[in-house]
Each structure stands twice: as C-alpha cells, then as structure tokens.
Amino acid sequence: MTITLPTTREEVRELVNRREELSDQLNSVTSRRREIAAEIAKAPTGPTRTGLEDRLILLDNRILQLEGDLATTGRLLAAAPSTMDVSQSQPSGDGNFEDGLMVGGFSALFFMAFVVLVLRRRWRKPTAVPIQLGRDADQRFERLEQGMDAIAIEIERVSEGQRFVTRLLSEAQPAGGSVARVGEPSVAESDARRKR
C-alpha cells in the first residue's frame, strides 16, 4: 500500500489512525519477540531451537518494517499543510491546546530518539546467521556421543589395568627395599646359586 501526502482532513485522520494501528502492531510484535527470545534461552539445541530462531528473525524483520512504516507516516503527517490539522475539526475535551501540543511534541521527540537509538544499535551490531544443520545431524550427533562413550569406557579399562599392574609390582617388591629388575635374579636366588 503506497501512502501519499494527505490533501484533506479525512486523509490526515486516516494517517493518524494508521499510525496508531502501526504502533499497536509494533508493541504486539515486540512483546512476541521477547517471549520467543525467552523460549530460545530455555530450548535445547535441535530442530525446535532452530525453528524458534527462524521465527525470531522474521519478527525482527517485521519490527524493522513497522518502524519504517511509522517513520513514513510521521513524515507525511509532519508534511501535511497546517490547515489540515485534525485537532481543529475534532472537539477537544478540555480545550487546552498548548498543553496537548507540549505533551505530543515531547512524546514525538522521545519516540524519534528511541527509533534512532534502535536503528543505530541494529546498524552497529551484525546480525548472527543461524547455523543450518543437515537432516542427518541428529543421527550424526548420536553416533558421535556413542563413540565418545566407548572411548571413555576403554580409557577407564586401560587406567584400571595400569592400577592393577602398579599394585602387583608394589606387592612384589622385597622387604629389604632393593628393587629387582625384570629378568634379573633376586638376592635370595643369587645366594642359592652360590651355595651350589
């Protein structure tokens, strides 16, 4: 839908209504984005998390689109001739136009500053591209996990064997404290050979 510069008060009213509708949509999408971001933080790695991340990207794009539409609508309302002011045709509740203008001006200024800050932050911060895993990724991860479990079991067996051999060697040492090397006769065997 292309929006043109308003030429009648009715078109200005339509733009004001459109701006309010866009603002409501932006609030709704922002709220939904917060909910999905919280779900992503709790979701385990896998297809569910990938789906949530894809939805988050779509919501980010929608937020940018709504902010752009709001900015365009605001520019068109600002560019409308002052004779098309909607407030002249609609009766105001208390008739205090200056106070309303101050509140509206500060609100618009605050909103524009917020939009500028958000756009600057998005411009500086690179968006992360989600990693796309193949269909067989779950099976591959499962095989990898099984392989790691098998390696852990084998390492435990080797370490148990080393503990066993160490215990045997420590029990086989003579009481005198001398260490006999493998293949060499012990002191008792040497004495027995000499006596023969």
N, C-alpha and C. Protein backbone atom coordinates (compact mmCIF):
# COMPACT_ATOMS: atom_id res chain seq x y z
N MET A 1 0.85 -1.18 0.00
CA MET A 1 0.00 0.00 0.00
C MET A 1 0.89 1.23 0.00
N THR A 2 0.72 2.07 -1.02
CA THR A 2 1.50 3.30 -1.09
C THR A 2 0.74 4.41 -0.38
N ILE A 3 1.47 5.20 0.37
CA ILE A 3 0.85 6.29 1.13
C ILE A 3 1.30 7.59 0.48
N THR A 4 0.34 8.45 0.19
CA THR A 4 0.66 9.73 -0.43
C THR A 4 0.43 10.85 0.57
N LEU A 5 0.93 12.01 0.24
CA LEU A 5 0.78 13.18 1.09
C LEU A 5 -0.70 13.51 1.22
N PRO A 6 -1.20 13.68 2.44
CA PRO A 6 -2.63 13.93 2.62
C PRO A 6 -3.02 15.32 2.10
N THR A 7 -4.20 15.35 1.46
CA THR A 7 -4.69 16.62 0.92
C THR A 7 -5.98 17.07 1.59
N THR A 8 -6.60 16.17 2.33
CA THR A 8 -7.84 16.53 3.03
C THR A 8 -7.71 16.15 4.50
N ARG A 9 -8.62 16.70 5.29
CA ARG A 9 -8.61 16.37 6.71
C ARG A 9 -8.92 14.90 6.94
N GLU A 10 -9.76 14.34 6.09
CA GLU A 10 -10.10 12.92 6.21
C GLU A 10 -8.85 12.06 6.00
N GLU A 11 -8.01 12.40 5.03
CA GLU A 11 -6.78 11.66 4.79
C GLU A 11 -5.80 11.80 5.96
N VAL A 12 -5.79 12.99 6.57
CA VAL A 12 -4.94 13.20 7.75
C VAL A 12 -5.44 12.31 8.88
N ARG A 13 -6.76 12.24 9.08
CA ARG A 13 -7.32 11.37 10.12
C ARG A 13 -6.96 9.91 9.85
N GLU A 14 -7.04 9.50 8.58
CA GLU A 14 -6.67 8.13 8.24
C GLU A 14 -5.20 7.85 8.56
N LEU A 15 -4.33 8.84 8.29
CA LEU A 15 -2.92 8.67 8.62
C LEU A 15 -2.70 8.56 10.13
N VAL A 16 -3.44 9.38 10.89
CA VAL A 16 -3.32 9.32 12.35
C VAL A 16 -3.77 7.95 12.85
N ASN A 17 -4.89 7.46 12.31
CA ASN A 17 -5.38 6.13 12.69
C ASN A 17 -4.38 5.05 12.28
N ARG A 18 -3.79 5.21 11.11
CA ARG A 18 -2.80 4.23 10.64
C ARG A 18 -1.58 4.22 11.57
N ARG A 19 -1.16 5.41 11.99
CA ARG A 19 -0.01 5.49 12.89
C ARG A 19 -0.31 4.79 14.22
N GLU A 20 -1.51 4.97 14.73
CA GLU A 20 -1.89 4.30 15.98
C GLU A 20 -1.93 2.79 15.80
N GLU A 21 -2.47 2.34 14.66
CA GLU A 21 -2.54 0.91 14.39
C GLU A 21 -1.13 0.32 14.26
N LEU A 22 -0.24 1.03 13.56
CA LEU A 22 1.14 0.55 13.41
C LEU A 22 1.84 0.50 14.77
N SER A 23 1.57 1.49 15.61
CA SER A 23 2.17 1.50 16.94
C SER A 23 1.69 0.31 17.77
N ASP A 24 0.38 -0.01 17.69
CA ASP A 24 -0.15 -1.17 18.40
C ASP A 24 0.47 -2.47 17.88
N GLN A 25 0.61 -2.58 16.55
CA GLN A 25 1.23 -3.77 15.97
C GLN A 25 2.69 -3.91 16.42
N LEU A 26 3.39 -2.78 16.46
CA LEU A 26 4.79 -2.80 16.89
C LEU A 26 4.91 -3.27 18.34
N ASN A 27 4.02 -2.80 19.19
CA ASN A 27 4.04 -3.25 20.59
C ASN A 27 3.77 -4.75 20.68
N SER A 28 2.80 -5.23 19.90
CA SER A 28 2.45 -6.64 19.91
C SER A 28 3.62 -7.51 19.42
N VAL A 29 4.25 -7.11 18.31
CA VAL A 29 5.35 -7.89 17.74
C VAL A 29 6.55 -7.86 18.69
N THR A 30 6.80 -6.72 19.31
CA THR A 30 7.93 -6.62 20.25
C THR A 30 7.70 -7.53 21.45
N SER A 31 6.46 -7.57 21.93
CA SER A 31 6.14 -8.45 23.05
C SER A 31 6.33 -9.91 22.65
N ARG A 32 5.88 -10.27 21.47
CA ARG A 32 6.03 -11.65 20.99
C ARG A 32 7.51 -12.02 20.83
N ARG A 33 8.32 -11.04 20.37
CA ARG A 33 9.75 -11.28 20.20
C ARG A 33 10.40 -11.58 21.55
N ARG A 34 10.01 -10.84 22.59
CA ARG A 34 10.55 -11.08 23.92
C ARG A 34 10.20 -12.49 24.40
N GLU A 35 8.97 -12.93 24.13
CA GLU A 35 8.56 -14.27 24.54
C GLU A 35 9.38 -15.35 23.83
N ILE A 36 9.59 -15.17 22.53
CA ILE A 36 10.34 -16.17 21.76
C ILE A 36 11.81 -16.18 22.18
N ALA A 37 12.37 -15.01 22.47
CA ALA A 37 13.76 -14.95 22.94
C ALA A 37 13.90 -15.70 24.26
N ALA A 38 12.89 -15.59 25.13
CA ALA A 38 12.93 -16.33 26.39
C ALA A 38 12.81 -17.83 26.14
N GLU A 39 11.99 -18.23 25.16
CA GLU A 39 11.86 -19.65 24.83
C GLU A 39 13.17 -20.21 24.26
N ILE A 40 13.86 -19.39 23.45
CA ILE A 40 15.14 -19.84 22.86
C ILE A 40 16.16 -20.09 23.96
N ALA A 41 16.16 -19.23 24.97
CA ALA A 41 17.12 -19.40 26.07
C ALA A 41 16.90 -20.72 26.80
N LYS A 42 15.66 -21.22 26.83
CA LYS A 42 15.36 -22.46 27.53
C LYS A 42 15.41 -23.69 26.62
N ALA A 43 15.32 -23.48 25.30
CA ALA A 43 15.20 -24.61 24.36
C ALA A 43 16.53 -25.32 24.18
N PRO A 44 16.50 -26.67 24.11
CA PRO A 44 17.73 -27.41 23.84
C PRO A 44 18.12 -27.27 22.37
N THR A 45 19.37 -27.53 22.08
CA THR A 45 19.84 -27.45 20.71
C THR A 45 19.13 -28.52 19.89
N GLY A 46 18.66 -28.13 18.72
CA GLY A 46 17.98 -29.07 17.85
C GLY A 46 16.99 -28.36 16.95
N PRO A 47 16.08 -29.11 16.34
CA PRO A 47 15.13 -28.51 15.40
C PRO A 47 14.20 -27.50 16.06
N THR A 48 13.84 -27.72 17.31
CA THR A 48 12.94 -26.78 17.99
C THR A 48 13.62 -25.43 18.14
N ARG A 49 14.86 -25.44 18.56
CA ARG A 49 15.59 -24.17 18.74
C ARG A 49 15.79 -23.48 17.39
N THR A 50 16.10 -24.25 16.35
CA THR A 50 16.29 -23.67 15.02
C THR A 50 15.00 -23.01 14.53
N GLY A 51 13.87 -23.67 14.76
CA GLY A 51 12.59 -23.09 14.37
C GLY A 51 12.31 -21.79 15.12
N LEU A 52 12.62 -21.77 16.41
CA LEU A 52 12.41 -20.54 17.20
C LEU A 52 13.32 -19.41 16.71
N GLU A 53 14.56 -19.75 16.35
CA GLU A 53 15.48 -18.73 15.85
C GLU A 53 15.00 -18.18 14.51
N ASP A 54 14.44 -19.04 13.66
CA ASP A 54 13.88 -18.56 12.38
C ASP A 54 12.72 -17.61 12.63
N ARG A 55 11.85 -17.95 13.61
CA ARG A 55 10.72 -17.07 13.93
C ARG A 55 11.22 -15.74 14.48
N LEU A 56 12.30 -15.77 15.24
CA LEU A 56 12.87 -14.54 15.80
C LEU A 56 13.37 -13.63 14.67
N ILE A 57 13.99 -14.21 13.67
CA ILE A 57 14.47 -13.42 12.53
C ILE A 57 13.29 -12.78 11.80
N LEU A 58 12.22 -13.55 11.60
CA LEU A 58 11.03 -12.99 10.95
C LEU A 58 10.44 -11.84 11.76
N LEU A 59 10.39 -12.01 13.08
CA LEU A 59 9.87 -10.93 13.92
C LEU A 59 10.76 -9.69 13.87
N ASP A 60 12.07 -9.88 13.83
CA ASP A 60 12.99 -8.75 13.71
C ASP A 60 12.74 -7.99 12.41
N ASN A 61 12.55 -8.74 11.32
CA ASN A 61 12.25 -8.09 10.04
C ASN A 61 10.93 -7.34 10.09
N ARG A 62 9.94 -7.93 10.75
CA ARG A 62 8.63 -7.27 10.88
C ARG A 62 8.75 -5.99 11.71
N ILE A 63 9.55 -6.03 12.78
CA ILE A 63 9.75 -4.84 13.61
C ILE A 63 10.39 -3.73 12.79
N LEU A 64 11.39 -4.08 11.99
CA LEU A 64 12.03 -3.06 11.13
C LEU A 64 11.03 -2.48 10.14
N GLN A 65 10.19 -3.33 9.57
CA GLN A 65 9.19 -2.86 8.62
C GLN A 65 8.20 -1.91 9.29
N LEU A 66 7.73 -2.29 10.48
CA LEU A 66 6.78 -1.44 11.20
C LEU A 66 7.41 -0.11 11.59
N GLU A 67 8.66 -0.13 12.02
CA GLU A 67 9.33 1.12 12.38
C GLU A 67 9.50 2.02 11.16
N GLY A 68 9.80 1.41 10.02
CA GLY A 68 9.89 2.19 8.78
C GLY A 68 8.56 2.79 8.39
N ASP A 69 7.48 1.99 8.51
CA ASP A 69 6.14 2.50 8.19
C ASP A 69 5.74 3.63 9.14
N LEU A 70 6.09 3.48 10.43
CA LEU A 70 5.78 4.55 11.39
C LEU A 70 6.52 5.82 11.05
N ALA A 71 7.79 5.68 10.67
CA ALA A 71 8.59 6.86 10.31
C ALA A 71 8.00 7.54 9.07
N THR A 72 7.60 6.75 8.08
CA THR A 72 7.00 7.31 6.86
C THR A 72 5.70 8.03 7.19
N THR A 73 4.86 7.40 8.00
CA THR A 73 3.59 8.03 8.39
C THR A 73 3.84 9.32 9.15
N GLY A 74 4.81 9.32 10.04
CA GLY A 74 5.14 10.54 10.78
C GLY A 74 5.62 11.65 9.88
N ARG A 75 6.44 11.31 8.88
CA ARG A 75 6.92 12.34 7.94
C ARG A 75 5.75 12.92 7.14
N LEU A 76 4.84 12.05 6.70
CA LEU A 76 3.69 12.54 5.93
C LEU A 76 2.79 13.44 6.78
N LEU A 77 2.60 13.06 8.03
CA LEU A 77 1.79 13.91 8.91
C LEU A 77 2.47 15.25 9.16
N ALA A 78 3.79 15.22 9.30
CA ALA A 78 4.51 16.47 9.52
C ALA A 78 4.50 17.35 8.28
N ALA A 79 4.47 16.71 7.09
CA ALA A 79 4.48 17.47 5.85
C ALA A 79 3.09 17.97 5.44
N ALA A 80 2.05 17.51 6.12
CA ALA A 80 0.69 17.94 5.78
C ALA A 80 0.54 19.43 6.08
N PRO A 81 -0.20 20.16 5.24
CA PRO A 81 -0.40 21.59 5.49
C PRO A 81 -1.06 21.82 6.86
N SER A 82 -0.71 22.91 7.49
CA SER A 82 -1.24 23.20 8.82
C SER A 82 -2.75 23.44 8.79
N THR A 83 -3.29 23.76 7.63
CA THR A 83 -4.75 23.96 7.53
C THR A 83 -5.49 22.64 7.64
N MET A 84 -4.77 21.51 7.48
CA MET A 84 -5.39 20.18 7.54
C MET A 84 -5.33 19.60 8.95
N ASP A 85 -5.03 20.41 9.93
CA ASP A 85 -4.87 19.91 11.29
C ASP A 85 -6.16 19.23 11.76
N VAL A 86 -6.02 17.98 12.19
CA VAL A 86 -7.18 17.20 12.62
C VAL A 86 -7.74 17.75 13.92
N SER A 87 -6.91 18.32 14.75
CA SER A 87 -7.38 18.79 16.05
C SER A 87 -8.38 19.93 15.92
N GLN A 88 -8.37 20.68 14.79
CA GLN A 88 -9.34 21.76 14.61
C GLN A 88 -10.73 21.23 14.35
N SER A 89 -10.84 20.10 13.66
CA SER A 89 -12.16 19.58 13.32
C SER A 89 -12.75 18.72 14.42
N GLN A 90 -11.91 18.22 15.33
CA GLN A 90 -12.42 17.37 16.40
C GLN A 90 -12.48 18.17 17.69
N PRO A 91 -13.57 18.08 18.40
CA PRO A 91 -13.65 18.81 19.65
C PRO A 91 -12.72 18.19 20.68
N SER A 92 -12.00 19.04 21.40
CA SER A 92 -11.10 18.55 22.42
C SER A 92 -11.82 18.55 23.76
N GLY A 93 -11.35 17.70 24.67
CA GLY A 93 -12.03 17.54 25.94
C GLY A 93 -11.96 18.76 26.82
N ASP A 94 -10.73 19.33 27.00
CA ASP A 94 -10.61 20.43 27.93
C ASP A 94 -10.27 21.75 27.25
N GLY A 95 -10.01 21.75 25.97
CA GLY A 95 -9.74 22.98 25.26
C GLY A 95 -8.34 23.54 25.51
N ASN A 96 -7.46 22.80 26.14
CA ASN A 96 -6.12 23.28 26.43
C ASN A 96 -5.16 22.78 25.36
N PHE A 97 -5.12 23.47 24.24
CA PHE A 97 -4.36 23.05 23.08
C PHE A 97 -2.86 23.11 23.35
N GLU A 98 -2.37 24.12 24.05
CA GLU A 98 -0.94 24.29 24.27
C GLU A 98 -0.36 23.13 25.08
N ASP A 99 -1.09 22.70 26.13
CA ASP A 99 -0.61 21.56 26.92
C ASP A 99 -0.55 20.29 26.09
N GLY A 100 -1.58 20.08 25.29
CA GLY A 100 -1.61 18.91 24.41
C GLY A 100 -0.48 18.94 23.41
N LEU A 101 -0.20 20.13 22.88
CA LEU A 101 0.89 20.27 21.92
C LEU A 101 2.24 19.96 22.57
N MET A 102 2.43 20.42 23.81
CA MET A 102 3.68 20.15 24.52
C MET A 102 3.84 18.64 24.77
N VAL A 103 2.77 18.01 25.26
CA VAL A 103 2.83 16.57 25.54
C VAL A 103 3.07 15.80 24.25
N GLY A 104 2.35 16.15 23.22
CA GLY A 104 2.52 15.47 21.93
C GLY A 104 3.90 15.69 21.35
N GLY A 105 4.41 16.91 21.48
CA GLY A 105 5.75 17.21 20.96
C GLY A 105 6.82 16.43 21.69
N PHE A 106 6.72 16.39 23.03
CA PHE A 106 7.71 15.61 23.78
C PHE A 106 7.57 14.12 23.49
N SER A 107 6.34 13.65 23.33
CA SER A 107 6.15 12.22 23.01
C SER A 107 6.76 11.89 21.65
N ALA A 108 6.52 12.76 20.68
CA ALA A 108 7.07 12.52 19.34
C ALA A 108 8.59 12.58 19.38
N LEU A 109 9.13 13.54 20.13
CA LEU A 109 10.58 13.66 20.24
C LEU A 109 11.18 12.43 20.91
N PHE A 110 10.55 11.96 21.97
CA PHE A 110 11.01 10.76 22.65
C PHE A 110 10.95 9.55 21.72
N PHE A 111 9.85 9.42 20.98
CA PHE A 111 9.69 8.29 20.07
C PHE A 111 10.76 8.32 18.97
N MET A 112 11.01 9.48 18.42
CA MET A 112 12.01 9.58 17.35
C MET A 112 13.42 9.26 17.90
N ALA A 113 13.71 9.72 19.13
CA ALA A 113 15.01 9.41 19.73
C ALA A 113 15.14 7.90 19.94
N PHE A 114 14.05 7.27 20.39
CA PHE A 114 14.05 5.81 20.59
C PHE A 114 14.30 5.08 19.27
N VAL A 115 13.62 5.51 18.22
CA VAL A 115 13.79 4.87 16.90
C VAL A 115 15.23 5.04 16.42
N VAL A 116 15.79 6.22 16.60
CA VAL A 116 17.17 6.46 16.17
C VAL A 116 18.13 5.57 16.94
N LEU A 117 17.94 5.45 18.26
CA LEU A 117 18.81 4.59 19.07
C LEU A 117 18.70 3.13 18.65
N VAL A 118 17.49 2.67 18.41
CA VAL A 118 17.30 1.27 18.00
C VAL A 118 17.95 1.02 16.64
N LEU A 119 17.75 1.94 15.70
CA LEU A 119 18.34 1.75 14.37
C LEU A 119 19.86 1.84 14.42
N ARG A 120 20.41 2.73 15.24
CA ARG A 120 21.87 2.81 15.38
C ARG A 120 22.43 1.52 15.95
N ARG A 121 21.73 1.00 16.95
CA ARG A 121 22.20 -0.24 17.58
C ARG A 121 22.16 -1.40 16.59
N ARG A 122 21.08 -1.49 15.80
CA ARG A 122 20.97 -2.56 14.82
C ARG A 122 22.00 -2.37 13.70
N TRP A 123 22.31 -1.14 13.37
CA TRP A 123 23.28 -0.88 12.31
C TRP A 123 24.67 -1.29 12.77
N ARG A 124 25.02 -1.02 14.02
CA ARG A 124 26.34 -1.35 14.53
C ARG A 124 26.49 -2.84 14.79
N LYS A 125 25.47 -3.49 15.24
CA LYS A 125 25.54 -4.87 15.67
C LYS A 125 25.25 -5.80 14.49
N PRO A 126 26.20 -6.61 14.09
CA PRO A 126 25.92 -7.54 12.98
C PRO A 126 24.94 -8.62 13.43
N THR A 127 24.06 -8.96 12.55
CA THR A 127 23.08 -10.00 12.88
C THR A 127 23.73 -11.37 12.69
N ALA A 128 23.48 -12.23 13.62
CA ALA A 128 24.04 -13.57 13.57
C ALA A 128 23.22 -14.43 12.61
N VAL A 129 23.90 -15.12 11.73
CA VAL A 129 23.23 -16.02 10.80
C VAL A 129 23.09 -17.37 11.48
N PRO A 130 21.88 -17.88 11.57
CA PRO A 130 21.72 -19.17 12.25
C PRO A 130 22.39 -20.29 11.45
N ILE A 131 22.96 -21.22 12.17
CA ILE A 131 23.63 -22.35 11.55
C ILE A 131 22.58 -23.34 11.06
N GLN A 132 22.65 -23.69 9.79
CA GLN A 132 21.71 -24.64 9.22
C GLN A 132 22.36 -26.02 9.24
N LEU A 133 21.78 -26.92 9.98
CA LEU A 133 22.29 -28.29 10.06
C LEU A 133 21.50 -29.17 9.09
N GLY A 134 22.17 -30.18 8.59
CA GLY A 134 21.51 -31.10 7.67
C GLY A 134 20.48 -31.97 8.38
N ARG A 135 19.73 -32.73 7.59
CA ARG A 135 18.69 -33.58 8.17
C ARG A 135 19.27 -34.72 9.01
N ASP A 136 20.47 -35.16 8.66
CA ASP A 136 21.06 -36.28 9.38
C ASP A 136 21.91 -35.82 10.57
N ALA A 137 21.82 -34.57 10.95
CA ALA A 137 22.65 -34.03 12.04
C ALA A 137 22.35 -34.73 13.37
N ASP A 138 21.07 -35.00 13.65
CA ASP A 138 20.73 -35.67 14.91
C ASP A 138 21.35 -37.06 14.98
N GLN A 139 21.29 -37.80 13.87
CA GLN A 139 21.88 -39.13 13.84
C GLN A 139 23.40 -39.06 14.00
N ARG A 140 24.01 -38.07 13.37
CA ARG A 140 25.46 -37.93 13.47
C ARG A 140 25.87 -37.57 14.89
N PHE A 141 25.12 -36.70 15.53
CA PHE A 141 25.42 -36.35 16.92
C PHE A 141 25.25 -37.56 17.84
N GLU A 142 24.24 -38.38 17.55
CA GLU A 142 24.03 -39.57 18.37
C GLU A 142 25.19 -40.55 18.22
N ARG A 143 25.65 -40.76 16.98
CA ARG A 143 26.80 -41.63 16.75
C ARG A 143 28.06 -41.07 17.42
N LEU A 144 28.25 -39.77 17.35
CA LEU A 144 29.39 -39.13 17.99
C LEU A 144 29.34 -39.34 19.50
N GLU A 145 28.16 -39.21 20.09
CA GLU A 145 28.01 -39.41 21.53
C GLU A 145 28.32 -40.86 21.91
N GLN A 146 27.84 -41.81 21.11
CA GLN A 146 28.12 -43.22 21.39
C GLN A 146 29.61 -43.51 21.28
N GLY A 147 30.27 -42.93 20.30
CA GLY A 147 31.71 -43.11 20.14
C GLY A 147 32.48 -42.55 21.33
N MET A 148 32.05 -41.37 21.80
CA MET A 148 32.71 -40.78 22.97
C MET A 148 32.52 -41.65 24.21
N ASP A 149 31.33 -42.24 24.36
CA ASP A 149 31.09 -43.14 25.50
C ASP A 149 32.00 -44.37 25.41
N ALA A 150 32.15 -44.92 24.21
CA ALA A 150 33.00 -46.11 24.04
C ALA A 150 34.46 -45.76 24.36
N ILE A 151 34.92 -44.60 23.93
CA ILE A 151 36.29 -44.17 24.22
C ILE A 151 36.49 -44.01 25.72
N ALA A 152 35.51 -43.43 26.40
CA ALA A 152 35.61 -43.24 27.86
C ALA A 152 35.71 -44.59 28.58
N ILE A 153 34.94 -45.56 28.11
CA ILE A 153 34.98 -46.89 28.73
C ILE A 153 36.35 -47.53 28.52
N GLU A 154 36.90 -47.42 27.31
CA GLU A 154 38.21 -48.00 27.03
C GLU A 154 39.31 -47.33 27.84
N ILE A 155 39.22 -46.03 28.00
CA ILE A 155 40.22 -45.31 28.81
C ILE A 155 40.14 -45.77 30.26
N GLU A 156 38.93 -45.98 30.76
CA GLU A 156 38.77 -46.47 32.13
C GLU A 156 39.37 -47.87 32.28
N ARG A 157 39.19 -48.71 31.25
CA ARG A 157 39.77 -50.06 31.31
C ARG A 157 41.30 -50.00 31.33
N VAL A 158 41.89 -49.15 30.50
CA VAL A 158 43.35 -49.02 30.46
C VAL A 158 43.87 -48.52 31.80
N SER A 159 43.20 -47.51 32.37
CA SER A 159 43.67 -46.98 33.65
C SER A 159 43.51 -48.02 34.75
N GLU A 160 42.46 -48.84 34.71
CA GLU A 160 42.28 -49.91 35.70
C GLU A 160 43.40 -50.94 35.57
N GLY A 161 43.77 -51.26 34.32
CA GLY A 161 44.88 -52.19 34.09
C GLY A 161 46.19 -51.63 34.63
N GLN A 162 46.41 -50.34 34.44
CA GLN A 162 47.63 -49.72 34.96
C GLN A 162 47.65 -49.75 36.48
N ARG A 163 46.52 -49.50 37.10
CA ARG A 163 46.46 -49.56 38.57
C ARG A 163 46.75 -50.98 39.06
N PHE A 164 46.20 -51.97 38.35
CA PHE A 164 46.42 -53.37 38.73
C PHE A 164 47.89 -53.74 38.63
N VAL A 165 48.54 -53.38 37.52
CA VAL A 165 49.96 -53.70 37.33
C VAL A 165 50.80 -52.99 38.38
N THR A 166 50.48 -51.74 38.67
CA THR A 166 51.22 -50.99 39.70
C THR A 166 51.09 -51.66 41.05
N ARG A 167 49.89 -52.11 41.39
CA ARG A 167 49.67 -52.79 42.67
C ARG A 167 50.46 -54.09 42.73
N LEU A 168 50.47 -54.87 41.63
CA LEU A 168 51.24 -56.12 41.60
C LEU A 168 52.72 -55.86 41.78
N LEU A 169 53.23 -54.84 41.12
CA LEU A 169 54.65 -54.53 41.23
C LEU A 169 55.00 -54.05 42.64
N SER A 170 54.12 -53.29 43.24
CA SER A 170 54.42 -52.80 44.59
C SER A 170 54.35 -53.93 45.61
N GLU A 171 53.49 -54.91 45.41
CA GLU A 171 53.41 -56.05 46.33
C GLU A 171 54.57 -57.02 46.12
N ALA A 172 55.14 -57.05 44.93
CA ALA A 172 56.22 -57.99 44.61
C ALA A 172 57.58 -57.49 45.05
N GLN A 173 57.71 -56.27 45.53
CA GLN A 173 59.00 -55.76 45.96
C GLN A 173 59.43 -56.48 47.24
N PRO A 174 60.73 -56.81 47.35
CA PRO A 174 61.22 -57.48 48.57
C PRO A 174 61.19 -56.55 49.77
N ALA A 175 61.17 -57.14 50.95
CA ALA A 175 61.09 -56.37 52.19
C ALA A 175 62.32 -55.53 52.42
N GLY A 176 63.47 -55.91 51.90
CA GLY A 176 64.71 -55.19 52.11
C GLY A 176 64.75 -53.85 51.42
N GLY A 177 63.86 -53.63 50.56
CA GLY A 177 63.80 -52.33 49.89
C GLY A 177 64.54 -52.30 48.57
N SER A 178 65.31 -53.37 48.23
CA SER A 178 66.00 -53.35 46.95
C SER A 178 65.02 -53.71 45.85
N VAL A 179 65.17 -53.08 44.76
CA VAL A 179 64.25 -53.29 43.65
C VAL A 179 64.87 -54.28 42.68
N ALA A 180 64.16 -55.35 42.41
CA ALA A 180 64.66 -56.35 41.46
C ALA A 180 64.14 -55.99 40.08
N ARG A 181 64.99 -56.04 39.10
CA ARG A 181 64.57 -55.75 37.74
C ARG A 181 64.00 -57.00 37.11
N VAL A 182 63.17 -56.83 36.17
CA VAL A 182 62.57 -57.96 35.49
C VAL A 182 63.67 -58.69 34.72
N GLY A 183 63.74 -59.99 34.88
CA GLY A 183 64.75 -60.78 34.18
C GLY A 183 66.01 -61.00 34.99
N GLU A 184 66.23 -60.24 36.07
CA GLU A 184 67.40 -60.42 36.93
C GLU A 184 67.00 -61.27 38.13
N PRO A 185 67.88 -62.12 38.59
CA PRO A 185 67.55 -62.95 39.76
C PRO A 185 67.53 -62.09 41.02
N SER A 186 66.71 -62.47 41.95
CA SER A 186 66.66 -61.75 43.22
C SER A 186 67.87 -62.10 44.07
N VAL A 187 68.04 -61.43 45.20
CA VAL A 187 69.18 -61.65 46.09
C VAL A 187 69.14 -63.08 46.64
N ALA A 188 67.95 -63.56 47.00
CA ALA A 188 67.82 -64.91 47.56
C ALA A 188 68.22 -65.94 46.51
N GLU A 189 67.84 -65.75 45.27
CA GLU A 189 68.20 -66.70 44.21
C GLU A 189 69.70 -66.66 43.95
N SER A 190 70.32 -65.51 44.04
CA SER A 190 71.77 -65.38 43.81
C SER A 190 72.53 -66.14 44.90
N ASP A 191 72.07 -66.00 46.15
CA ASP A 191 72.72 -66.71 47.26
C ASP A 191 72.57 -68.22 47.08
N ALA A 192 71.43 -68.67 46.66
CA ALA A 192 71.19 -70.11 46.46
C ALA A 192 72.09 -70.64 45.35
N ARG A 193 72.34 -69.90 44.33
CA ARG A 193 73.20 -70.33 43.24
C ARG A 193 74.65 -70.42 43.70
N ARG A 194 75.06 -69.50 44.53
CA ARG A 194 76.46 -69.51 45.01
C ARG A 194 76.73 -70.72 45.90
N LYS A 195 75.76 -71.11 46.68
CA LYS A 195 75.94 -72.25 47.59
C LYS A 195 76.02 -73.55 46.81
N ARG A 196 75.55 -73.65 45.66
CA ARG A 196 75.57 -74.88 44.90
C ARG A 196 76.91 -75.14 44.42
